[in-house]
Every structure is written in C-alpha cells, then in structure tokens.
C-alpha cells in the first residue's frame, strides 16, 4: 500500500486491538480482586476504577412473542419503504 495515511491508520488499528486485548485481561483480574476485597472504587494517580453493574432481564414468552411480532413489522416497513432509512458511513479495517 503506497499511501502512508492508510498504512498509519491500519497500524494504529493493530495497536488498539492489542491494547484492547491487554485491557480485557487486566479487567478480569481487577474485577476478581475488587470483588475479593469488597471494593467498588479504586482511586489512583491516573484516575478512578469503579466496579459497576448492568442489569438485564429475561422476559416471559408472551413478551418475547410480541417482540418477534414487532421485529417482523419492522421488516415489512423496511421492505416497503415506509420506514425511513438512515445510512451511516464508517471505516472498517482488517489488520493482519
């Protein structure tokens, strides 16, 4: 690839992917340590780490069926042009 701009972007994507992997590994270790020590917040010179929670729900079959119906209605509106289409452009990079 001749253009340095593109190559720089791909290099940066590779570095971010490696850092993301390292970050996930550290997050598992830190989460375990904070749970063991019953900590919710850790303050350091570089910032604060908070052990947060996210709640999710498992719905009844009735609600799941209505959700399926809604998805089908959305597909109909999309295919008939009733639903307003919005296209967002973004970059996707595949790093070696």
PDB file of N, CA and C in Angstrom:
ATOM      1  N   UNK A   1       0.861  -1.177   0.000  1.00  0.00           N
ATOM      2  CA  UNK A   1       0.000   0.000   0.000  1.00  0.00           C
ATOM      3  C   UNK A   1       0.904   1.236   0.000  1.00  0.00           C
ATOM      4  N   UNK A   2       0.710   2.093  -0.949  1.00  0.00           N
ATOM      5  CA  UNK A   2       1.584   3.245  -1.118  1.00  0.00           C
ATOM      6  C   UNK A   2       1.259   4.396  -0.179  1.00  0.00           C
ATOM      7  N   UNK A   3      -0.006   4.628   0.071  1.00  0.00           N
ATOM      8  CA  UNK A   3      -0.390   5.819   0.812  1.00  0.00           C
ATOM      9  C   UNK A   3      -0.121   5.660   2.303  1.00  0.00           C
ATOM     10  N   UNK A   4       0.749   6.505   2.823  1.00  0.00           N
ATOM     11  CA  UNK A   4       1.148   6.452   4.230  1.00  0.00           C
ATOM     12  C   UNK A   4      -0.031   6.716   5.160  1.00  0.00           C
ATOM     13  N   UNK A   5      -0.982   7.511   4.740  1.00  0.00           N
ATOM     14  CA  UNK A   5      -2.160   7.806   5.548  1.00  0.00           C
ATOM     15  C   UNK A   5      -2.915   6.523   5.880  1.00  0.00           C
ATOM     16  N   UNK A   6      -3.155   5.690   4.871  1.00  0.00           N
ATOM     17  CA  UNK A   6      -3.882   4.443   5.076  1.00  0.00           C
ATOM     18  C   UNK A   6      -3.083   3.475   5.944  1.00  0.00           C
ATOM     19  N   UNK A   7      -1.799   3.393   5.669  1.00  0.00           N
ATOM     20  CA  UNK A   7      -0.933   2.487   6.418  1.00  0.00           C
ATOM     21  C   UNK A   7      -0.859   2.899   7.889  1.00  0.00           C
ATOM     22  N   UNK A   8      -0.787   4.203   8.157  1.00  0.00           N
ATOM     23  CA  UNK A   8      -0.764   4.691   9.538  1.00  0.00           C
ATOM     24  C   UNK A   8      -2.042   4.314  10.266  1.00  0.00           C
ATOM     25  N   UNK A   9      -3.165   4.416   9.571  1.00  0.00           N
ATOM     26  CA  UNK A   9      -4.454   4.069  10.167  1.00  0.00           C
ATOM     27  C   UNK A   9      -4.488   2.584  10.528  1.00  0.00           C
ATOM     28  N   UNK A  10      -4.032   1.734   9.614  1.00  0.00           N
ATOM     29  CA  UNK A  10      -4.020   0.295   9.869  1.00  0.00           C
ATOM     30  C   UNK A  10      -3.089  -0.064  11.019  1.00  0.00           C
ATOM     31  N   UNK A  11      -1.939   0.585  11.088  1.00  0.00           N
ATOM     32  CA  UNK A  11      -1.010   0.351  12.201  1.00  0.00           C
ATOM     33  C   UNK A  11      -1.662   0.713  13.526  1.00  0.00           C
ATOM     34  N   UNK A  12      -2.312   1.848  13.548  1.00  0.00           N
ATOM     35  CA  UNK A  12      -2.987   2.304  14.760  1.00  0.00           C
ATOM     36  C   UNK A  12      -4.093   1.331  15.164  1.00  0.00           C
ATOM     37  N   UNK A  13      -4.846   0.835  14.202  1.00  0.00           N
ATOM     38  CA  UNK A  13      -5.892  -0.152  14.490  1.00  0.00           C
ATOM     39  C   UNK A  13      -5.298  -1.407  15.118  1.00  0.00           C
ATOM     40  N   UNK A  14      -4.154  -1.836  14.617  1.00  0.00           N
ATOM     41  CA  UNK A  14      -3.474  -3.007  15.178  1.00  0.00           C
ATOM     42  C   UNK A  14      -3.039  -2.780  16.611  1.00  0.00           C
ATOM     43  N   UNK A  15      -2.490  -1.609  16.872  1.00  0.00           N
ATOM     44  CA  UNK A  15      -2.061  -1.274  18.243  1.00  0.00           C
ATOM     45  C   UNK A  15      -3.257  -1.234  19.187  1.00  0.00           C
ATOM     46  N   UNK A  16      -4.351  -0.643  18.726  1.00  0.00           N
ATOM     47  CA  UNK A  16      -5.561  -0.546  19.551  1.00  0.00           C
ATOM     48  C   UNK A  16      -6.101  -1.944  19.856  1.00  0.00           C
ATOM     49  N   UNK A  17      -6.085  -2.825  18.868  1.00  0.00           N
ATOM     50  CA  UNK A  17      -6.567  -4.193  19.073  1.00  0.00           C
ATOM     51  C   UNK A  17      -5.733  -4.903  20.133  1.00  0.00           C
ATOM     52  N   UNK A  18      -4.418  -4.731  20.066  1.00  0.00           N
ATOM     53  CA  UNK A  18      -3.536  -5.353  21.062  1.00  0.00           C
ATOM     54  C   UNK A  18      -3.766  -4.765  22.453  1.00  0.00           C
ATOM     55  N   UNK A  19      -3.916  -3.458  22.523  1.00  0.00           N
ATOM     56  CA  UNK A  19      -4.174  -2.813  23.816  1.00  0.00           C
ATOM     57  C   UNK A  19      -5.531  -3.225  24.376  1.00  0.00           C
ATOM     58  N   UNK A  20      -6.507  -3.374  23.493  1.00  0.00           N
ATOM     59  CA  UNK A  20      -7.843  -3.793  23.919  1.00  0.00           C
ATOM     60  C   UNK A  20      -7.800  -5.192  24.534  1.00  0.00           C
ATOM     61  N   UNK A  21      -7.044  -6.082  23.918  1.00  0.00           N
ATOM     62  CA  UNK A  21      -6.894  -7.437  24.446  1.00  0.00           C
ATOM     63  C   UNK A  21      -6.246  -7.392  25.830  1.00  0.00           C
ATOM     64  N   UNK A  22      -5.195  -6.632  25.950  1.00  0.00           N
ATOM     65  CA  UNK A  22      -4.493  -6.491  27.235  1.00  0.00           C
ATOM     66  C   UNK A  22      -5.426  -5.888  28.293  1.00  0.00           C
ATOM     67  N   UNK A  23      -6.218  -4.898  27.882  1.00  0.00           N
ATOM     68  CA  UNK A  23      -7.153  -4.242  28.798  1.00  0.00           C
ATOM     69  C   UNK A  23      -8.203  -5.232  29.304  1.00  0.00           C
ATOM     70  N   UNK A  24      -8.732  -6.068  28.413  1.00  0.00           N
ATOM     71  CA  UNK A  24      -9.732  -7.060  28.817  1.00  0.00           C
ATOM     72  C   UNK A  24      -9.157  -8.054  29.809  1.00  0.00           C
ATOM     73  N   UNK A  25      -7.926  -8.476  29.583  1.00  0.00           N
ATOM     74  CA  UNK A  25      -7.270  -9.407  30.503  1.00  0.00           C
ATOM     75  C   UNK A  25      -7.085  -8.768  31.878  1.00  0.00           C
ATOM     76  N   UNK A  26      -6.659  -7.520  31.901  1.00  0.00           N
ATOM     77  CA  UNK A  26      -6.500  -6.807  33.170  1.00  0.00           C
ATOM     78  C   UNK A  26      -7.839  -6.607  33.867  1.00  0.00           C
ATOM     79  N   UNK A  27      -8.882  -6.325  33.088  1.00  0.00           N
ATOM     80  CA  UNK A  27     -10.207  -6.089  33.657  1.00  0.00           C
ATOM     81  C   UNK A  27     -10.715  -7.323  34.396  1.00  0.00           C
ATOM     82  N   UNK A  28     -10.467  -8.507  33.845  1.00  0.00           N
ATOM     83  CA  UNK A  28     -10.882  -9.746  34.504  1.00  0.00           C
ATOM     84  C   UNK A  28     -10.162  -9.891  35.849  1.00  0.00           C
ATOM     85  N   UNK A  29      -8.868  -9.650  35.827  1.00  0.00           N
ATOM     86  CA  UNK A  29      -8.066  -9.757  37.044  1.00  0.00           C
ATOM     87  C   UNK A  29      -8.474  -8.707  38.085  1.00  0.00           C
ATOM     88  N   UNK A  30      -8.679  -7.477  37.649  1.00  0.00           N
ATOM     89  CA  UNK A  30      -9.057  -6.386  38.563  1.00  0.00           C
ATOM     90  C   UNK A  30     -10.448  -6.624  39.138  1.00  0.00           C
ATOM     91  N   UNK A  31     -11.384  -7.064  38.305  1.00  0.00           N
ATOM     92  CA  UNK A  31     -12.742  -7.339  38.780  1.00  0.00           C
ATOM     93  C   UNK A  31     -12.712  -8.383  39.895  1.00  0.00           C
ATOM     94  N   UNK A  32     -11.967  -9.443  39.667  1.00  0.00           N
ATOM     95  CA  UNK A  32     -11.859 -10.507  40.663  1.00  0.00           C
ATOM     96  C   UNK A  32     -11.254  -9.981  41.965  1.00  0.00           C
ATOM     97  N   UNK A  33     -10.206  -9.201  41.845  1.00  0.00           N
ATOM     98  CA  UNK A  33      -9.521  -8.651  43.026  1.00  0.00           C
ATOM     99  C   UNK A  33     -10.440  -7.692  43.792  1.00  0.00           C
ATOM    100  N   UNK A  34     -11.153  -6.832  43.066  1.00  0.00           N
ATOM    101  CA  UNK A  34     -12.048  -5.884  43.729  1.00  0.00           C
ATOM    102  C   UNK A  34     -13.198  -6.620  44.421  1.00  0.00           C
ATOM    103  N   UNK A  35     -13.728  -7.672  43.775  1.00  0.00           N
ATOM    104  CA  UNK A  35     -14.791  -8.453  44.413  1.00  0.00           C
ATOM    105  C   UNK A  35     -14.282  -9.148  45.666  1.00  0.00           C
ATOM    106  N   UNK A  36     -13.083  -9.739  45.582  1.00  0.00           N
ATOM    107  CA  UNK A  36     -12.493 -10.420  46.742  1.00  0.00           C
ATOM    108  C   UNK A  36     -12.296  -9.461  47.909  1.00  0.00           C
ATOM    109  N   UNK A  37     -11.901  -8.238  47.587  1.00  0.00           N
ATOM    110  CA  UNK A  37     -11.628  -7.235  48.623  1.00  0.00           C
ATOM    111  C   UNK A  37     -12.849  -6.374  48.939  1.00  0.00           C
ATOM    112  N   UNK A  38     -13.987  -6.709  48.298  1.00  0.00           N
ATOM    113  CA  UNK A  38     -15.243  -5.992  48.502  1.00  0.00           C
ATOM    114  C   UNK A  38     -15.099  -4.484  48.266  1.00  0.00           C
ATOM    115  N   UNK A  39     -14.404  -4.142  47.176  1.00  0.00           N
ATOM    116  CA  UNK A  39     -14.202  -2.746  46.796  1.00  0.00           C
ATOM    117  C   UNK A  39     -15.139  -2.400  45.645  1.00  0.00           C
ATOM    118  N   UNK A  40     -15.649  -1.184  45.628  1.00  0.00           N
ATOM    119  CA  UNK A  40     -16.441  -0.719  44.498  1.00  0.00           C
ATOM    120  C   UNK A  40     -15.702   0.362  43.717  1.00  0.00           C
ATOM    121  N   UNK A  41     -14.728   1.006  44.370  1.00  0.00           N
ATOM    122  CA  UNK A  41     -13.971   2.076  43.732  1.00  0.00           C
ATOM    123  C   UNK A  41     -12.510   2.001  44.159  1.00  0.00           C
ATOM    124  N   UNK A  42     -11.630   2.212  43.190  1.00  0.00           N
ATOM    125  CA  UNK A  42     -10.201   2.297  43.473  1.00  0.00           C
ATOM    126  C   UNK A  42      -9.696   3.584  42.840  1.00  0.00           C
ATOM    127  N   UNK A  43      -9.047   4.428  43.654  1.00  0.00           N
ATOM    128  CA  UNK A  43      -8.517   5.694  43.148  1.00  0.00           C
ATOM    129  C   UNK A  43      -7.016   5.574  42.981  1.00  0.00           C
ATOM    130  N   UNK A  44      -6.536   6.078  41.858  1.00  0.00           N
ATOM    131  CA  UNK A  44      -5.106   6.086  41.587  1.00  0.00           C
ATOM    132  C   UNK A  44      -4.684   7.441  41.066  1.00  0.00           C
ATOM    133  N   UNK A  45      -3.408   7.595  40.812  1.00  0.00           N
ATOM    134  CA  UNK A  45      -2.887   8.856  40.287  1.00  0.00           C
ATOM    135  C   UNK A  45      -3.435   9.157  38.888  1.00  0.00           C
ATOM    136  N   UNK A  46      -3.754   8.109  38.131  1.00  0.00           N
ATOM    137  CA  UNK A  46      -4.206   8.287  36.752  1.00  0.00           C
ATOM    138  C   UNK A  46      -5.719   8.361  36.610  1.00  0.00           C
ATOM    139  N   UNK A  47      -6.444   8.085  37.704  1.00  0.00           N
ATOM    140  CA  UNK A  47      -7.899   8.129  37.609  1.00  0.00           C
ATOM    141  C   UNK A  47      -8.575   7.221  38.613  1.00  0.00           C
ATOM    142  N   UNK A  48      -9.820   6.872  38.330  1.00  0.00           N
ATOM    143  CA  UNK A  48     -10.633   6.070  39.238  1.00  0.00           C
ATOM    144  C   UNK A  48     -11.183   4.864  38.478  1.00  0.00           C
ATOM    145  N   UNK A  49     -11.138   3.694  39.125  1.00  0.00           N
ATOM    146  CA  UNK A  49     -11.751   2.490  38.569  1.00  0.00           C
ATOM    147  C   UNK A  49     -12.961   2.180  39.436  1.00  0.00           C
ATOM    148  N   UNK A  50     -14.118   2.019  38.799  1.00  0.00           N
ATOM    149  CA  UNK A  50     -15.346   1.702  39.513  1.00  0.00           C
ATOM    150  C   UNK A  50     -15.861   0.351  39.048  1.00  0.00           C
ATOM    151  N   UNK A  51     -16.205  -0.515  39.997  1.00  0.00           N
ATOM    152  CA  UNK A  51     -16.809  -1.797  39.675  1.00  0.00           C
ATOM    153  C   UNK A  51     -18.302  -1.556  39.524  1.00  0.00           C
ATOM    154  N   UNK A  52     -18.756  -1.450  38.299  1.00  0.00           N
ATOM    155  CA  UNK A  52     -20.143  -1.102  38.002  1.00  0.00           C
ATOM    156  C   UNK A  52     -20.952  -2.360  37.726  1.00  0.00           C
ATOM    157  N   UNK A  53     -22.265  -2.205  37.731  1.00  0.00           N
ATOM    158  CA  UNK A  53     -23.172  -3.303  37.432  1.00  0.00           C
ATOM    159  C   UNK A  53     -24.127  -2.880  36.330  1.00  0.00           C
ATOM    160  N   UNK A  54     -24.510  -3.841  35.519  1.00  0.00           N
ATOM    161  CA  UNK A  54     -25.518  -3.611  34.490  1.00  0.00           C
ATOM    162  C   UNK A  54     -26.581  -4.688  34.676  1.00  0.00           C
ATOM    163  N   UNK A  55     -27.814  -4.287  34.685  1.00  0.00           N
ATOM    164  CA  UNK A  55     -28.918  -5.220  34.869  1.00  0.00           C
ATOM    165  C   UNK A  55     -29.509  -5.598  33.522  1.00  0.00           C
ATOM    166  N   UNK A  56     -29.813  -6.874  33.359  1.00  0.00           N
ATOM    167  CA  UNK A  56     -30.516  -7.337  32.164  1.00  0.00           C
ATOM    168  C   UNK A  56     -31.696  -8.188  32.623  1.00  0.00           C
ATOM    169  N   UNK A  57     -32.624  -8.405  31.707  1.00  0.00           N
ATOM    170  CA  UNK A  57     -33.844  -9.111  32.063  1.00  0.00           C
ATOM    171  C   UNK A  57     -34.121 -10.241  31.093  1.00  0.00           C
ATOM    172  N   UNK A  58     -34.723 -11.312  31.588  1.00  0.00           N
ATOM    173  CA  UNK A  58     -35.235 -12.401  30.760  1.00  0.00           C
ATOM    174  C   UNK A  58     -36.748 -12.277  30.829  1.00  0.00           C
ATOM    175  N   UNK A  59     -37.362 -12.019  29.682  1.00  0.00           N
ATOM    176  CA  UNK A  59     -38.788 -11.755  29.631  1.00  0.00           C
ATOM    177  C   UNK A  59     -39.607 -13.029  29.444  1.00  0.00           C
ATOM    178  N   UNK A  60     -40.895 -12.904  29.715  1.00  0.00           N
ATOM    179  CA  UNK A  60     -41.809 -14.030  29.543  1.00  0.00           C
ATOM    180  C   UNK A  60     -41.957 -14.360  28.056  1.00  0.00           C
ATOM    181  N   UNK A  61     -42.488 -15.541  27.792  1.00  0.00           N
ATOM    182  CA  UNK A  61     -42.698 -15.970  26.413  1.00  0.00           C
ATOM    183  C   UNK A  61     -43.654 -15.015  25.696  1.00  0.00           C
ATOM    184  N   UNK A  62     -44.644 -14.504  26.428  1.00  0.00           N
ATOM    185  CA  UNK A  62     -45.613 -13.568  25.840  1.00  0.00           C
ATOM    186  C   UNK A  62     -44.914 -12.305  25.326  1.00  0.00           C
ATOM    187  N   UNK A  63     -44.032 -11.759  26.141  1.00  0.00           N
ATOM    188  CA  UNK A  63     -43.303 -10.548  25.744  1.00  0.00           C
ATOM    189  C   UNK A  63     -42.342 -10.867  24.600  1.00  0.00           C
ATOM    190  N   UNK A  64     -41.673 -12.005  24.664  1.00  0.00           N
ATOM    191  CA  UNK A  64     -40.768 -12.403  23.579  1.00  0.00           C
ATOM    192  C   UNK A  64     -41.526 -12.546  22.258  1.00  0.00           C
ATOM    193  N   UNK A  65     -42.748 -13.104  22.323  1.00  0.00           N
ATOM    194  CA  UNK A  65     -43.559 -13.256  21.110  1.00  0.00           C
ATOM    195  C   UNK A  65     -43.944 -11.893  20.535  1.00  0.00           C
ATOM    196  N   UNK A  66     -44.307 -10.951  21.397  1.00  0.00           N
ATOM    197  CA  UNK A  66     -44.663  -9.605  20.926  1.00  0.00           C
ATOM    198  C   UNK A  66     -43.437  -8.923  20.302  1.00  0.00           C
ATOM    199  N   UNK A  67     -42.276  -9.164  20.892  1.00  0.00           N
ATOM    200  CA  UNK A  67     -41.040  -8.603  20.353  1.00  0.00           C
ATOM    201  C   UNK A  67     -40.762  -9.181  18.958  1.00  0.00           C
ATOM    202  N   UNK A  68     -41.016 -10.464  18.788  1.00  0.00           N
ATOM    203  CA  UNK A  68     -40.845 -11.096  17.478  1.00  0.00           C
ATOM    204  C   UNK A  68     -41.811 -10.481  16.470  1.00  0.00           C
ATOM    205  N   UNK A  69     -43.069 -10.265  16.899  1.00  0.00           N
ATOM    206  CA  UNK A  69     -44.055  -9.618  16.026  1.00  0.00           C
ATOM    207  C   UNK A  69     -43.582  -8.228  15.610  1.00  0.00           C
ATOM    208  N   UNK A  70     -43.052  -7.480  16.571  1.00  0.00           N
ATOM    209  CA  UNK A  70     -42.565  -6.130  16.289  1.00  0.00           C
ATOM    210  C   UNK A  70     -41.419  -6.169  15.278  1.00  0.00           C
ATOM    211  N   UNK A  71     -40.496  -7.106  15.446  1.00  0.00           N
ATOM    212  CA  UNK A  71     -39.382  -7.240  14.501  1.00  0.00           C
ATOM    213  C   UNK A  71     -39.898  -7.528  13.091  1.00  0.00           C
ATOM    214  N   UNK A  72     -40.919  -8.368  12.997  1.00  0.00           N
ATOM    215  CA  UNK A  72     -41.498  -8.688  11.695  1.00  0.00           C
ATOM    216  C   UNK A  72     -42.166  -7.463  11.070  1.00  0.00           C
ATOM    217  N   UNK A  73     -42.870  -6.673  11.896  1.00  0.00           N
ATOM    218  CA  UNK A  73     -43.488  -5.437  11.403  1.00  0.00           C
ATOM    219  C   UNK A  73     -42.426  -4.461  10.896  1.00  0.00           C
ATOM    220  N   UNK A  74     -41.317  -4.381  11.611  1.00  0.00           N
ATOM    221  CA  UNK A  74     -40.223  -3.500  11.187  1.00  0.00           C
ATOM    222  C   UNK A  74     -39.676  -3.941   9.832  1.00  0.00           C
ATOM    223  N   UNK A  75     -39.505  -5.258   9.648  1.00  0.00           N
ATOM    224  CA  UNK A  75     -39.003  -5.763   8.364  1.00  0.00           C
ATOM    225  C   UNK A  75     -39.944  -5.399   7.230  1.00  0.00           C
ATOM    226  N   UNK A  76     -41.251  -5.483   7.490  1.00  0.00           N
ATOM    227  CA  UNK A  76     -42.236  -5.132   6.467  1.00  0.00           C
ATOM    228  C   UNK A  76     -42.103  -3.659   6.097  1.00  0.00           C
ATOM    229  N   UNK A  77     -42.016  -2.789   7.112  1.00  0.00           N
ATOM    230  CA  UNK A  77     -41.873  -1.355   6.839  1.00  0.00           C
ATOM    231  C   UNK A  77     -40.577  -1.058   6.089  1.00  0.00           C
ATOM    232  N   UNK A  78     -39.501  -1.774   6.440  1.00  0.00           N
ATOM    233  CA  UNK A  78     -38.228  -1.571   5.746  1.00  0.00           C
ATOM    234  C   UNK A  78     -38.339  -1.990   4.279  1.00  0.00           C
ATOM    235  N   UNK A  79     -38.952  -3.141   4.044  1.00  0.00           N
ATOM    236  CA  UNK A  79     -39.018  -3.659   2.670  1.00  0.00           C
ATOM    237  C   UNK A  79     -40.003  -2.889   1.790  1.00  0.00           C
ATOM    238  N   UNK A  80     -40.995  -2.257   2.399  1.00  0.00           N
ATOM    239  CA  UNK A  80     -41.980  -1.499   1.609  1.00  0.00           C
ATOM    240  C   UNK A  80     -41.609  -0.031   1.475  1.00  0.00           C
ATOM    241  N   UNK A  81     -40.560   0.402   2.174  1.00  0.00           N
ATOM    242  CA  UNK A  81     -40.115   1.787   2.076  1.00  0.00           C
ATOM    243  C   UNK A  81     -40.841   2.740   3.018  1.00  0.00           C
ATOM    244  N   UNK A  82     -41.707   2.213   3.875  1.00  0.00           N
ATOM    245  CA  UNK A  82     -42.428   3.059   4.831  1.00  0.00           C
ATOM    246  C   UNK A  82     -41.457   3.577   5.898  1.00  0.00           C
ATOM    247  N   UNK A  83     -40.561   2.709   6.358  1.00  0.00           N
ATOM    248  CA  UNK A  83     -39.578   3.116   7.366  1.00  0.00           C
ATOM    249  C   UNK A  83     -38.539   4.025   6.715  1.00  0.00           C
ATOM    250  N   UNK A  84     -38.137   5.048   7.424  1.00  0.00           N
ATOM    251  CA  UNK A  84     -37.134   5.982   6.912  1.00  0.00           C
ATOM    252  C   UNK A  84     -35.748   5.377   7.095  1.00  0.00           C
ATOM    253  N   UNK A  85     -35.014   5.290   5.999  1.00  0.00           N
ATOM    254  CA  UNK A  85     -33.679   4.700   6.024  1.00  0.00           C
ATOM    255  C   UNK A  85     -32.638   5.767   6.345  1.00  0.00           C
ATOM    256  N   UNK A  86     -31.724   5.420   7.231  1.00  0.00           N
ATOM    257  CA  UNK A  86     -30.603   6.302   7.551  1.00  0.00           C
ATOM    258  C   UNK A  86     -29.320   5.489   7.351  1.00  0.00           C
ATOM    259  N   UNK A  87     -28.431   5.975   6.519  1.00  0.00           N
ATOM    260  CA  UNK A  87     -27.171   5.290   6.243  1.00  0.00           C
ATOM    261  C   UNK A  87     -26.042   6.072   6.903  1.00  0.00           C
ATOM    262  N   UNK A  88     -25.240   5.353   7.677  1.00  0.00           N
ATOM    263  CA  UNK A  88     -24.101   5.956   8.352  1.00  0.00           C
ATOM    264  C   UNK A  88     -22.829   5.359   7.768  1.00  0.00           C
ATOM    265  N   UNK A  89     -21.906   6.189   7.357  1.00  0.00           N
ATOM    266  CA  UNK A  89     -20.638   5.698   6.814  1.00  0.00           C
ATOM    267  C   UNK A  89     -19.614   5.627   7.944  1.00  0.00           C
ATOM    268  N   UNK A  90     -18.794   4.578   7.899  1.00  0.00           N
ATOM    269  CA  UNK A  90     -17.745   4.392   8.894  1.00  0.00           C
ATOM    270  C   UNK A  90     -16.614   3.608   8.268  1.00  0.00           C
ATOM    271  N   UNK A  91     -15.488   3.596   8.946  1.00  0.00           N
ATOM    272  CA  UNK A  91     -14.340   2.842   8.445  1.00  0.00           C
ATOM    273  C   UNK A  91     -14.292   1.492   9.136  1.00  0.00           C
ATOM    274  N   UNK A  92     -13.992   0.461   8.365  1.00  0.00           N
ATOM    275  CA  UNK A  92     -13.771  -0.864   8.916  1.00  0.00           C
ATOM    276  C   UNK A  92     -12.405  -1.301   8.420  1.00  0.00           C
ATOM    277  N   UNK A  93     -11.544  -1.673   9.335  1.00  0.00           N
ATOM    278  CA  UNK A  93     -10.187  -2.071   8.955  1.00  0.00           C
ATOM    279  C   UNK A  93      -9.953  -3.509   9.370  1.00  0.00           C
ATOM    280  N   UNK A  94      -9.334  -4.270   8.494  1.00  0.00           N
ATOM    281  CA  UNK A  94      -8.915  -5.622   8.806  1.00  0.00           C
ATOM    282  C   UNK A  94      -7.392  -5.601   8.923  1.00  0.00           C
ATOM    283  N   UNK A  95      -6.927  -5.903  10.113  1.00  0.00           N
ATOM    284  CA  UNK A  95      -5.487  -5.810  10.394  1.00  0.00           C
ATOM    285  C   UNK A  95      -4.878  -7.191  10.344  1.00  0.00           C
ATOM    286  N   UNK A  96      -3.716  -7.295   9.701  1.00  0.00           N
ATOM    287  CA  UNK A  96      -3.012  -8.579   9.571  1.00  0.00           C
ATOM    288  C   UNK A  96      -2.431  -9.012  10.888  1.00  0.00           C
TER     289      UNK A  96
END
